[in-house]
Amino acid sequence: PGKQRELVAVFPGGGGSTNYAYSVKGRFTISR
């Protein structure tokens, strides 16, 4: 609420490792 939308975790479109927001690293895991 009251904040802009921010990235949490994404798969890079061109391959490579996933990207995480610093605030969630080590706590959140994205998978597909």
PDB file of all heavy atoms in Angstrom:
ATOM      1  N   PRO A   1       0.818  -1.218   0.000  1.00  0.00           N
ATOM      2  CA  PRO A   1       0.000   0.000   0.000  1.00  0.00           C
ATOM      3  C   PRO A   1       0.849   1.263   0.000  1.00  0.00           C
ATOM      4  O   PRO A   1       1.785   1.391   0.794  1.00  0.00           O
ATOM      5  CB  PRO A   1      -0.802  -0.123   1.291  1.00  0.00           C
ATOM      6  CG  PRO A   1      -0.857  -1.581   1.563  1.00  0.00           C
ATOM      7  CD  PRO A   1       0.455  -2.134   1.083  1.00  0.00           C
ATOM      8  N   GLY A   2       0.557   2.169  -0.916  1.00  0.00           N
ATOM      9  CA  GLY A   2       1.273   3.420  -0.978  1.00  0.00           C
ATOM     10  C   GLY A   2       2.651   3.346  -1.605  1.00  0.00           C
ATOM     11  O   GLY A   2       3.380   4.343  -1.618  1.00  0.00           O
ATOM     12  N   LYS A   3       3.015   2.189  -2.121  1.00  0.00           N
ATOM     13  CA  LYS A   3       4.347   2.024  -2.726  1.00  0.00           C
ATOM     14  C   LYS A   3       4.229   1.570  -4.176  1.00  0.00           C
ATOM     15  O   LYS A   3       3.190   1.086  -4.606  1.00  0.00           O
ATOM     16  CB  LYS A   3       5.170   1.012  -1.929  1.00  0.00           C
ATOM     17  CG  LYS A   3       5.493   1.449  -0.514  1.00  0.00           C
ATOM     18  CD  LYS A   3       6.454   0.483   0.151  1.00  0.00           C
ATOM     19  CE  LYS A   3       6.836   0.957   1.545  1.00  0.00           C
ATOM     20  NZ  LYS A   3       7.797   0.032   2.195  1.00  0.00           N
ATOM     21  N   GLN A   4       5.331   1.731  -4.897  1.00  0.00           N
ATOM     22  CA  GLN A   4       5.361   1.283  -6.280  1.00  0.00           C
ATOM     23  C   GLN A   4       5.543  -0.229  -6.353  1.00  0.00           C
ATOM     24  O   GLN A   4       6.073  -0.851  -5.428  1.00  0.00           O
ATOM     25  CB  GLN A   4       6.505   1.980  -7.021  1.00  0.00           C
ATOM     26  CG  GLN A   4       6.280   3.462  -7.259  1.00  0.00           C
ATOM     27  CD  GLN A   4       7.350   4.077  -8.141  1.00  0.00           C
ATOM     28  OE1 GLN A   4       8.491   3.602  -8.177  1.00  0.00           O
ATOM     29  NE2 GLN A   4       6.989   5.111  -8.870  1.00  0.00           N
ATOM     30  N   ARG A   5       5.119  -0.781  -7.457  1.00  0.00           N
ATOM     31  CA  ARG A   5       5.323  -2.206  -7.684  1.00  0.00           C
ATOM     32  C   ARG A   5       6.825  -2.466  -7.817  1.00  0.00           C
ATOM     33  O   ARG A   5       7.538  -1.704  -8.483  1.00  0.00           O
ATOM     34  CB  ARG A   5       4.600  -2.659  -8.956  1.00  0.00           C
ATOM     35  CG  ARG A   5       4.526  -4.154  -9.139  1.00  0.00           C
ATOM     36  CD  ARG A   5       3.623  -4.518 -10.306  1.00  0.00           C
ATOM     37  NE  ARG A   5       2.241  -4.094 -10.071  1.00  0.00           N
ATOM     38  CZ  ARG A   5       1.236  -4.442 -10.881  1.00  0.00           C
ATOM     39  NH1 ARG A   5       1.456  -5.188 -11.954  1.00  0.00           N
ATOM     40  NH2 ARG A   5       0.011  -4.001 -10.618  1.00  0.00           N
ATOM     41  N   GLU A   6       7.302  -3.540  -7.174  1.00  0.00           N
ATOM     42  CA  GLU A   6       8.723  -3.845  -7.197  1.00  0.00           C
ATOM     43  C   GLU A   6       8.961  -5.299  -7.557  1.00  0.00           C
ATOM     44  O   GLU A   6       8.128  -6.168  -7.326  1.00  0.00           O
ATOM     45  CB  GLU A   6       9.354  -3.568  -5.820  1.00  0.00           C
ATOM     46  CG  GLU A   6       8.818  -4.421  -4.699  1.00  0.00           C
ATOM     47  CD  GLU A   6       9.540  -4.176  -3.380  1.00  0.00           C
ATOM     48  OE1 GLU A   6      10.436  -3.326  -3.319  1.00  0.00           O
ATOM     49  OE2 GLU A   6       9.206  -4.880  -2.405  1.00  0.00           O
ATOM     50  N   LEU A   7      10.122  -5.536  -8.116  1.00  0.00           N
ATOM     51  CA  LEU A   7      10.523  -6.887  -8.485  1.00  0.00           C
ATOM     52  C   LEU A   7      10.790  -7.710  -7.229  1.00  0.00           C
ATOM     53  O   LEU A   7      11.392  -7.227  -6.265  1.00  0.00           O
ATOM     54  CB  LEU A   7      11.791  -6.821  -9.341  1.00  0.00           C
ATOM     55  CG  LEU A   7      12.419  -8.124  -9.840  1.00  0.00           C
ATOM     56  CD1 LEU A   7      13.131  -7.863 -11.162  1.00  0.00           C
ATOM     57  CD2 LEU A   7      13.406  -8.693  -8.837  1.00  0.00           C
ATOM     58  N   VAL A   8      10.309  -8.950  -7.243  1.00  0.00           N
ATOM     59  CA  VAL A   8      10.609  -9.886  -6.155  1.00  0.00           C
ATOM     60  C   VAL A   8      11.606 -10.937  -6.657  1.00  0.00           C
ATOM     61  O   VAL A   8      12.669 -11.127  -6.074  1.00  0.00           O
ATOM     62  CB  VAL A   8       9.331 -10.572  -5.648  1.00  0.00           C
ATOM     63  CG1 VAL A   8       9.683 -11.614  -4.581  1.00  0.00           C
ATOM     64  CG2 VAL A   8       8.358  -9.547  -5.088  1.00  0.00           C
ATOM     65  N   ALA A   9      11.247 -11.616  -7.732  1.00  0.00           N
ATOM     66  CA  ALA A   9      12.105 -12.651  -8.294  1.00  0.00           C
ATOM     67  C   ALA A   9      11.701 -12.895  -9.744  1.00  0.00           C
ATOM     68  O   ALA A   9      10.508 -12.959 -10.034  1.00  0.00           O
ATOM     69  CB  ALA A   9      11.997 -13.948  -7.495  1.00  0.00           C
ATOM     70  N   VAL A  10      12.693 -13.006 -10.623  1.00  0.00           N
ATOM     71  CA  VAL A  10      12.386 -13.222 -12.035  1.00  0.00           C
ATOM     72  C   VAL A  10      13.373 -14.195 -12.662  1.00  0.00           C
ATOM     73  O   VAL A  10      14.524 -14.308 -12.217  1.00  0.00           O
ATOM     74  CB  VAL A  10      12.415 -11.902 -12.843  1.00  0.00           C
ATOM     75  CG1 VAL A  10      11.307 -10.978 -12.404  1.00  0.00           C
ATOM     76  CG2 VAL A  10      13.768 -11.233 -12.757  1.00  0.00           C
ATOM     77  N   PHE A  11      12.899 -14.868 -13.695  1.00  0.00           N
ATOM     78  CA  PHE A  11      13.770 -15.654 -14.553  1.00  0.00           C
ATOM     79  C   PHE A  11      14.262 -14.722 -15.655  1.00  0.00           C
ATOM     80  O   PHE A  11      13.470 -14.044 -16.289  1.00  0.00           O
ATOM     81  CB  PHE A  11      13.004 -16.816 -15.189  1.00  0.00           C
ATOM     82  CG  PHE A  11      12.581 -17.871 -14.223  1.00  0.00           C
ATOM     83  CD1 PHE A  11      11.270 -17.937 -13.778  1.00  0.00           C
ATOM     84  CD2 PHE A  11      13.487 -18.805 -13.742  1.00  0.00           C
ATOM     85  CE1 PHE A  11      10.866 -18.910 -12.889  1.00  0.00           C
ATOM     86  CE2 PHE A  11      13.100 -19.787 -12.845  1.00  0.00           C
ATOM     87  CZ  PHE A  11      11.777 -19.838 -12.415  1.00  0.00           C
ATOM     88  N   PRO A  12      15.547 -14.697 -15.929  1.00  0.00           N
ATOM     89  CA  PRO A  12      16.029 -13.846 -17.013  1.00  0.00           C
ATOM     90  C   PRO A  12      15.554 -14.365 -18.360  1.00  0.00           C
ATOM     91  O   PRO A  12      15.560 -15.566 -18.599  1.00  0.00           O
ATOM     92  CB  PRO A  12      17.551 -13.946 -16.878  1.00  0.00           C
ATOM     93  CG  PRO A  12      17.793 -15.231 -16.175  1.00  0.00           C
ATOM     94  CD  PRO A  12      16.621 -15.433 -15.257  1.00  0.00           C
ATOM     95  N   GLY A  13      15.139 -13.481 -19.245  1.00  0.00           N
ATOM     96  CA  GLY A  13      14.595 -13.894 -20.529  1.00  0.00           C
ATOM     97  C   GLY A  13      15.607 -14.574 -21.422  1.00  0.00           C
ATOM     98  O   GLY A  13      15.261 -15.443 -22.204  1.00  0.00           O
ATOM     99  N   GLY A  14      16.862 -14.217 -21.290  1.00  0.00           N
ATOM    100  CA  GLY A  14      17.882 -14.788 -22.152  1.00  0.00           C
ATOM    101  C   GLY A  14      18.674 -15.910 -21.526  1.00  0.00           C
ATOM    102  O   GLY A  14      19.736 -16.291 -22.036  1.00  0.00           O
ATOM    103  N   GLY A  15      18.177 -16.482 -20.453  1.00  0.00           N
ATOM    104  CA  GLY A  15      18.910 -17.530 -19.756  1.00  0.00           C
ATOM    105  C   GLY A  15      19.762 -16.967 -18.644  1.00  0.00           C
ATOM    106  O   GLY A  15      19.846 -15.767 -18.459  1.00  0.00           O
ATOM    107  N   GLY A  16      20.430 -17.814 -17.897  1.00  0.00           N
ATOM    108  CA  GLY A  16      21.230 -17.360 -16.780  1.00  0.00           C
ATOM    109  C   GLY A  16      20.520 -17.608 -15.470  1.00  0.00           C
ATOM    110  O   GLY A  16      19.489 -18.261 -15.428  1.00  0.00           O
ATOM    111  N   SER A  17      21.073 -17.083 -14.408  1.00  0.00           N
ATOM    112  CA  SER A  17      20.528 -17.345 -13.084  1.00  0.00           C
ATOM    113  C   SER A  17      19.352 -16.416 -12.796  1.00  0.00           C
ATOM    114  O   SER A  17      19.225 -15.339 -13.386  1.00  0.00           O
ATOM    115  CB  SER A  17      21.604 -17.173 -12.018  1.00  0.00           C
ATOM    116  OG  SER A  17      22.124 -15.867 -12.063  1.00  0.00           O
ATOM    117  N   THR A  18      18.506 -16.842 -11.876  1.00  0.00           N
ATOM    118  CA  THR A  18      17.360 -16.029 -11.490  1.00  0.00           C
ATOM    119  C   THR A  18      17.816 -14.807 -10.706  1.00  0.00           C
ATOM    120  O   THR A  18      18.897 -14.795 -10.110  1.00  0.00           O
ATOM    121  CB  THR A  18      16.383 -16.850 -10.644  1.00  0.00           C
ATOM    122  OG1 THR A  18      17.105 -17.417  -9.537  1.00  0.00           O
ATOM    123  CG2 THR A  18      15.783 -17.975 -11.457  1.00  0.00           C
ATOM    124  N   ASN A  19      16.991 -13.779 -10.717  1.00  0.00           N
ATOM    125  CA  ASN A  19      17.287 -12.548  -9.994  1.00  0.00           C
ATOM    126  C   ASN A  19      16.302 -12.376  -8.846  1.00  0.00           C
ATOM    127  O   ASN A  19      15.095 -12.545  -9.032  1.00  0.00           O
ATOM    128  CB  ASN A  19      17.190 -11.348 -10.936  1.00  0.00           C
ATOM    129  CG  ASN A  19      18.233 -11.388 -12.033  1.00  0.00           C
ATOM    130  OD1 ASN A  19      19.361 -11.794 -11.804  1.00  0.00           O
ATOM    131  ND2 ASN A  19      17.865 -10.970 -13.231  1.00  0.00           N
ATOM    132  N   TYR A  20      16.810 -12.025  -7.702  1.00  0.00           N
ATOM    133  CA  TYR A  20      15.982 -11.800  -6.524  1.00  0.00           C
ATOM    134  C   TYR A  20      16.209 -10.386  -5.992  1.00  0.00           C
ATOM    135  O   TYR A  20      17.331  -9.868  -6.051  1.00  0.00           O
ATOM    136  CB  TYR A  20      16.328 -12.782  -5.401  1.00  0.00           C
ATOM    137  CG  TYR A  20      15.953 -14.225  -5.679  1.00  0.00           C
ATOM    138  CD1 TYR A  20      16.848 -15.087  -6.290  1.00  0.00           C
ATOM    139  CD2 TYR A  20      14.701 -14.704  -5.316  1.00  0.00           C
ATOM    140  CE1 TYR A  20      16.505 -16.411  -6.531  1.00  0.00           C
ATOM    141  CE2 TYR A  20      14.348 -16.025  -5.549  1.00  0.00           C
ATOM    142  CZ  TYR A  20      15.255 -16.870  -6.156  1.00  0.00           C
ATOM    143  OH  TYR A  20      14.914 -18.182  -6.394  1.00  0.00           O
ATOM    144  N   ALA A  21      15.156  -9.820  -5.432  1.00  0.00           N
ATOM    145  CA  ALA A  21      15.319  -8.578  -4.689  1.00  0.00           C
ATOM    146  C   ALA A  21      16.190  -8.853  -3.475  1.00  0.00           C
ATOM    147  O   ALA A  21      16.109  -9.936  -2.869  1.00  0.00           O
ATOM    148  CB  ALA A  21      13.962  -8.043  -4.246  1.00  0.00           C
ATOM    149  N   TYR A  22      17.001  -7.891  -3.116  1.00  0.00           N
ATOM    150  CA  TYR A  22      17.924  -8.091  -1.984  1.00  0.00           C
ATOM    151  C   TYR A  22      17.152  -8.461  -0.716  1.00  0.00           C
ATOM    152  O   TYR A  22      17.606  -9.298   0.068  1.00  0.00           O
ATOM    153  CB  TYR A  22      18.728  -6.817  -1.767  1.00  0.00           C
ATOM    154  CG  TYR A  22      19.688  -6.917  -0.609  1.00  0.00           C
ATOM    155  CD1 TYR A  22      20.922  -7.550  -0.765  1.00  0.00           C
ATOM    156  CD2 TYR A  22      19.362  -6.387   0.645  1.00  0.00           C
ATOM    157  CE1 TYR A  22      21.803  -7.654   0.296  1.00  0.00           C
ATOM    158  CE2 TYR A  22      20.239  -6.488   1.705  1.00  0.00           C
ATOM    159  CZ  TYR A  22      21.454  -7.120   1.530  1.00  0.00           C
ATOM    160  OH  TYR A  22      22.327  -7.223   2.584  1.00  0.00           O
ATOM    161  N   SER A  23      15.986  -7.869  -0.556  1.00  0.00           N
ATOM    162  CA  SER A  23      15.224  -8.062   0.684  1.00  0.00           C
ATOM    163  C   SER A  23      14.664  -9.477   0.836  1.00  0.00           C
ATOM    164  O   SER A  23      14.271  -9.860   1.937  1.00  0.00           O
ATOM    165  CB  SER A  23      14.074  -7.053   0.752  1.00  0.00           C
ATOM    166  OG  SER A  23      13.196  -7.231  -0.351  1.00  0.00           O
ATOM    167  N   VAL A  24      14.632 -10.247  -0.241  1.00  0.00           N
ATOM    168  CA  VAL A  24      14.052 -11.592  -0.148  1.00  0.00           C
ATOM    169  C   VAL A  24      15.082 -12.698  -0.375  1.00  0.00           C
ATOM    170  O   VAL A  24      14.757 -13.882  -0.234  1.00  0.00           O
ATOM    171  CB  VAL A  24      12.877 -11.773  -1.139  1.00  0.00           C
ATOM    172  CG1 VAL A  24      11.851 -10.658  -0.975  1.00  0.00           C
ATOM    173  CG2 VAL A  24      13.366 -11.862  -2.580  1.00  0.00           C
ATOM    174  N   LYS A  25      16.295 -12.339  -0.721  1.00  0.00           N
ATOM    175  CA  LYS A  25      17.329 -13.349  -0.976  1.00  0.00           C
ATOM    176  C   LYS A  25      17.519 -14.237   0.241  1.00  0.00           C
ATOM    177  O   LYS A  25      17.619 -13.754   1.366  1.00  0.00           O
ATOM    178  CB  LYS A  25      18.654 -12.681  -1.340  1.00  0.00           C
ATOM    179  CG  LYS A  25      18.762 -12.272  -2.791  1.00  0.00           C
ATOM    180  CD  LYS A  25      20.141 -11.726  -3.100  1.00  0.00           C
ATOM    181  CE  LYS A  25      20.270 -11.374  -4.561  1.00  0.00           C
ATOM    182  NZ  LYS A  25      21.608 -10.816  -4.898  1.00  0.00           N
ATOM    183  N   GLY A  26      17.574 -15.537  -0.012  1.00  0.00           N
ATOM    184  CA  GLY A  26      17.758 -16.497   1.062  1.00  0.00           C
ATOM    185  C   GLY A  26      16.470 -16.904   1.749  1.00  0.00           C
ATOM    186  O   GLY A  26      16.452 -17.866   2.524  1.00  0.00           O
ATOM    187  N   ARG A  27      15.366 -16.178   1.471  1.00  0.00           N
ATOM    188  CA  ARG A  27      14.078 -16.505   2.079  1.00  0.00           C
ATOM    189  C   ARG A  27      13.062 -16.979   1.049  1.00  0.00           C
ATOM    190  O   ARG A  27      12.222 -17.833   1.343  1.00  0.00           O
ATOM    191  CB  ARG A  27      13.509 -15.287   2.813  1.00  0.00           C
ATOM    192  CG  ARG A  27      14.380 -14.755   3.918  1.00  0.00           C
ATOM    193  CD  ARG A  27      13.671 -13.669   4.723  1.00  0.00           C
ATOM    194  NE  ARG A  27      13.336 -12.502   3.913  1.00  0.00           N
ATOM    195  CZ  ARG A  27      12.092 -12.030   3.780  1.00  0.00           C
ATOM    196  NH1 ARG A  27      11.083 -12.625   4.390  1.00  0.00           N
ATOM    197  NH2 ARG A  27      11.879 -10.964   3.033  1.00  0.00           N
ATOM    198  N   PHE A  28      13.106 -16.409  -0.149  1.00  0.00           N
ATOM    199  CA  PHE A  28      12.158 -16.743  -1.210  1.00  0.00           C
ATOM    200  C   PHE A  28      12.865 -17.546  -2.296  1.00  0.00           C
ATOM    201  O   PHE A  28      14.035 -17.318  -2.594  1.00  0.00           O
ATOM    202  CB  PHE A  28      11.588 -15.484  -1.851  1.00  0.00           C
ATOM    203  CG  PHE A  28      10.669 -14.668  -0.971  1.00  0.00           C
ATOM    204  CD1 PHE A  28      10.549 -14.926   0.394  1.00  0.00           C
ATOM    205  CD2 PHE A  28       9.936 -13.635  -1.517  1.00  0.00           C
ATOM    206  CE1 PHE A  28       9.715 -14.175   1.198  1.00  0.00           C
ATOM    207  CE2 PHE A  28       9.091 -12.863  -0.727  1.00  0.00           C
ATOM    208  CZ  PHE A  28       8.983 -13.134   0.628  1.00  0.00           C
ATOM    209  N   THR A  29      12.114 -18.456  -2.913  1.00  0.00           N
ATOM    210  CA  THR A  29      12.642 -19.244  -4.023  1.00  0.00           C
ATOM    211  C   THR A  29      11.620 -19.300  -5.145  1.00  0.00           C
ATOM    212  O   THR A  29      10.478 -19.696  -4.921  1.00  0.00           O
ATOM    213  CB  THR A  29      12.987 -20.669  -3.581  1.00  0.00           C
ATOM    214  OG1 THR A  29      13.923 -20.634  -2.504  1.00  0.00           O
ATOM    215  CG2 THR A  29      13.606 -21.451  -4.739  1.00  0.00           C
ATOM    216  N   ILE A  30      12.045 -18.901  -6.335  1.00  0.00           N
ATOM    217  CA  ILE A  30      11.180 -18.972  -7.511  1.00  0.00           C
ATOM    218  C   ILE A  30      11.475 -20.263  -8.256  1.00  0.00           C
ATOM    219  O   ILE A  30      12.626 -20.710  -8.322  1.00  0.00           O
ATOM    220  CB  ILE A  30      11.399 -17.740  -8.427  1.00  0.00           C
ATOM    221  CG1 ILE A  30      10.352 -17.689  -9.531  1.00  0.00           C
ATOM    222  CG2 ILE A  30      12.808 -17.722  -8.996  1.00  0.00           C
ATOM    223  CD1 ILE A  30      10.418 -16.400 -10.356  1.00  0.00           C
ATOM    224  N   SER A  31      10.428 -20.877  -8.785  1.00  0.00           N
ATOM    225  CA  SER A  31      10.611 -22.094  -9.564  1.00  0.00           C
ATOM    226  C   SER A  31       9.523 -22.165 -10.627  1.00  0.00           C
ATOM    227  O   SER A  31       8.543 -21.419 -10.589  1.00  0.00           O
ATOM    228  CB  SER A  31      10.572 -23.337  -8.666  1.00  0.00           C
ATOM    229  OG  SER A  31       9.322 -23.446  -8.025  1.00  0.00           O
ATOM    230  N   ARG A  32       9.727 -23.058 -11.575  1.00  0.00           N
ATOM    231  CA  ARG A  32       8.758 -23.158 -12.673  1.00  0.00           C
ATOM    232  C   ARG A  32       8.641 -24.607 -13.095  1.00  0.00           C
ATOM    233  O   ARG A  32       9.640 -25.304 -13.251  1.00  0.00           O
ATOM    234  CB  ARG A  32       9.225 -22.271 -13.841  1.00  0.00           C
ATOM    235  CG  ARG A  32       8.228 -22.046 -14.939  1.00  0.00           C
ATOM    236  CD  ARG A  32       8.637 -20.864 -15.815  1.00  0.00           C
ATOM    237  NE  ARG A  32       9.971 -20.972 -16.340  1.00  0.00           N
ATOM    238  CZ  ARG A  32      10.618 -19.975 -16.958  1.00  0.00           C
ATOM    239  NH1 ARG A  32      10.032 -18.800 -17.097  1.00  0.00           N
ATOM    240  NH2 ARG A  32      11.837 -20.153 -17.417  1.00  0.00           N
TER     241      ARG A  32
END
